Amino acid sequence: MFSPVVESQYQEMRKNVLAQVSAGSPTKDSDVKVLDSLELVELTLKVEESSLEPAVEIWTVRDFLWLCRAMDFQRERKGRQSSQ
């Protein structure tokens, strides 16, 4: 689904956001605009490349993390299908 470079980049974005949340700023309920705008642009491009349609609008950090998890799930599912 993703090239190894793209996959490592979005996983790195998620790791950075989780580290920020763990440090207390932002919280998961914070507006997603508190994140680095470059991270949001990169994520938007990756979502378009993956043809994943988010089921919810991305308004909060929690939504951002949900989308990252959805991308992981899709990647894992495609990996299992190709190995069968």
C-alpha atoms as a PDB file:
ATOM      1  CA  MET A   1       0.000   0.000   0.000  1.00  0.00           C
ATOM      2  CA  PHE A   2       2.731   2.482   0.976  1.00  0.00           C
ATOM      3  CA  SER A   3       6.301   2.600  -0.124  1.00  0.00           C
ATOM      4  CA  PRO A   4       8.701   1.936   2.771  1.00  0.00           C
ATOM      5  CA  VAL A   5       9.707   5.615   2.810  1.00  0.00           C
ATOM      6  CA  VAL A   6       6.116   6.905   2.983  1.00  0.00           C
ATOM      7  CA  GLU A   7       5.176   4.331   5.607  1.00  0.00           C
ATOM      8  CA  SER A   8       8.083   5.250   7.868  1.00  0.00           C
ATOM      9  CA  GLN A   9       7.248   8.957   7.506  1.00  0.00           C
ATOM     10  CA  TYR A  10       3.625   8.669   8.618  1.00  0.00           C
ATOM     11  CA  GLN A  11       4.575   6.306  11.432  1.00  0.00           C
ATOM     12  CA  GLU A  12       7.173   8.870  12.525  1.00  0.00           C
ATOM     13  CA  MET A  13       4.495  11.603  12.472  1.00  0.00           C
ATOM     14  CA  ARG A  14       2.258   9.505  14.709  1.00  0.00           C
ATOM     15  CA  LYS A  15       5.143   8.776  17.081  1.00  0.00           C
ATOM     16  CA  ASN A  16       5.929  12.500  17.336  1.00  0.00           C
ATOM     17  CA  VAL A  17       2.296  13.385  18.042  1.00  0.00           C
ATOM     18  CA  LEU A  18       2.000  10.656  20.684  1.00  0.00           C
ATOM     19  CA  ALA A  19       5.164  11.954  22.362  1.00  0.00           C
ATOM     20  CA  GLN A  20       3.687  15.455  22.420  1.00  0.00           C
ATOM     21  CA  VAL A  21       0.426  14.142  23.896  1.00  0.00           C
ATOM     22  CA  SER A  22       2.348  12.179  26.537  1.00  0.00           C
ATOM     23  CA  ALA A  23       4.162  15.383  27.495  1.00  0.00           C
ATOM     24  CA  GLY A  24       0.778  17.024  28.060  1.00  0.00           C
ATOM     25  CA  SER A  25       0.590  19.400  25.138  1.00  0.00           C
ATOM     26  CA  PRO A  26      -1.498  19.012  23.082  1.00  0.00           C
ATOM     27  CA  THR A  27      -4.189  16.783  24.520  1.00  0.00           C
ATOM     28  CA  LYS A  28      -6.088  14.297  22.411  1.00  0.00           C
ATOM     29  CA  ASP A  29      -9.061  16.654  22.459  1.00  0.00           C
ATOM     30  CA  SER A  30      -7.026  19.619  21.160  1.00  0.00           C
ATOM     31  CA  ASP A  31      -7.845  21.053  17.761  1.00  0.00           C
ATOM     32  CA  VAL A  32      -5.769  19.326  15.102  1.00  0.00           C
ATOM     33  CA  LYS A  33      -4.485  22.766  14.021  1.00  0.00           C
ATOM     34  CA  VAL A  34      -2.087  22.699  16.994  1.00  0.00           C
ATOM     35  CA  LEU A  35      -0.030  20.113  15.117  1.00  0.00           C
ATOM     36  CA  ASP A  36       2.718  21.106  12.747  1.00  0.00           C
ATOM     37  CA  SER A  37       1.080  22.154   9.490  1.00  0.00           C
ATOM     38  CA  LEU A  38       3.716  20.229   7.524  1.00  0.00           C
ATOM     39  CA  GLU A  39       2.665  17.046   9.349  1.00  0.00           C
ATOM     40  CA  LEU A  40      -0.938  17.689   8.350  1.00  0.00           C
ATOM     41  CA  VAL A  41      -0.003  18.288   4.715  1.00  0.00           C
ATOM     42  CA  GLU A  42       2.082  15.103   4.653  1.00  0.00           C
ATOM     43  CA  LEU A  43      -0.724  13.097   6.216  1.00  0.00           C
ATOM     44  CA  THR A  44      -3.238  14.470   3.723  1.00  0.00           C
ATOM     45  CA  LEU A  45      -1.002  13.410   0.842  1.00  0.00           C
ATOM     46  CA  LYS A  46      -0.514   9.954   2.319  1.00  0.00           C
ATOM     47  CA  VAL A  47      -4.257   9.501   2.776  1.00  0.00           C
ATOM     48  CA  GLU A  48      -4.835  10.460  -0.855  1.00  0.00           C
ATOM     49  CA  GLU A  49      -2.115   8.025  -1.992  1.00  0.00           C
ATOM     50  CA  SER A  50      -3.637   5.197   0.047  1.00  0.00           C
ATOM     51  CA  SER A  51      -7.165   5.847  -1.274  1.00  0.00           C
ATOM     52  CA  LEU A  52      -8.343   5.634   2.336  1.00  0.00           C
ATOM     53  CA  GLU A  53     -11.481   7.696   2.880  1.00  0.00           C
ATOM     54  CA  PRO A  54     -11.725   8.821   6.506  1.00  0.00           C
ATOM     55  CA  ALA A  55     -15.121   7.947   7.988  1.00  0.00           C
ATOM     56  CA  VAL A  56     -14.972  11.040  10.177  1.00  0.00           C
ATOM     57  CA  GLU A  57     -13.681  14.563   9.720  1.00  0.00           C
ATOM     58  CA  ILE A  58     -10.263  15.152  11.236  1.00  0.00           C
ATOM     59  CA  TRP A  59     -10.860  17.916  13.802  1.00  0.00           C
ATOM     60  CA  THR A  60      -8.906  16.816  16.867  1.00  0.00           C
ATOM     61  CA  VAL A  61      -5.600  15.192  17.675  1.00  0.00           C
ATOM     62  CA  ARG A  62      -7.618  12.087  18.618  1.00  0.00           C
ATOM     63  CA  ASP A  63      -9.071  12.028  15.076  1.00  0.00           C
ATOM     64  CA  PHE A  64      -5.560  12.371  13.644  1.00  0.00           C
ATOM     65  CA  LEU A  65      -4.372   9.393  15.695  1.00  0.00           C
ATOM     66  CA  TRP A  66      -7.491   7.431  14.666  1.00  0.00           C
ATOM     67  CA  LEU A  67      -6.655   8.037  11.017  1.00  0.00           C
ATOM     68  CA  CYS A  68      -3.079   6.850  11.549  1.00  0.00           C
ATOM     69  CA  ARG A  69      -4.445   3.697  13.183  1.00  0.00           C
ATOM     70  CA  ALA A  70      -6.884   3.166  10.302  1.00  0.00           C
ATOM     71  CA  MET A  71      -3.968   3.409   7.881  1.00  0.00           C
ATOM     72  CA  ASP A  72      -2.090   0.781   9.936  1.00  0.00           C
ATOM     73  CA  PHE A  73      -5.115  -1.500   9.886  1.00  0.00           C
ATOM     74  CA  GLN A  74      -5.494  -1.171   6.113  1.00  0.00           C
ATOM     75  CA  ARG A  75      -1.783  -1.877   5.606  1.00  0.00           C
ATOM     76  CA  GLU A  76      -1.956  -4.968   7.835  1.00  0.00           C
ATOM     77  CA  ARG A  77      -5.078  -6.245   6.083  1.00  0.00           C
ATOM     78  CA  LYS A  78      -3.550  -5.828   2.633  1.00  0.00           C
ATOM     79  CA  GLY A  79      -0.395  -7.566   3.865  1.00  0.00           C
ATOM     80  CA  ARG A  80      -2.414 -10.565   5.070  1.00  0.00           C
ATOM     81  CA  GLN A  81      -4.377 -10.746   1.796  1.00  0.00           C
ATOM     82  CA  SER A  82      -1.223 -10.716  -0.325  1.00  0.00           C
ATOM     83  CA  SER A  83       0.365 -13.479   1.774  1.00  0.00           C
ATOM     84  CA  GLN A  84      -2.570 -15.860   1.316  1.00  0.00           C
END
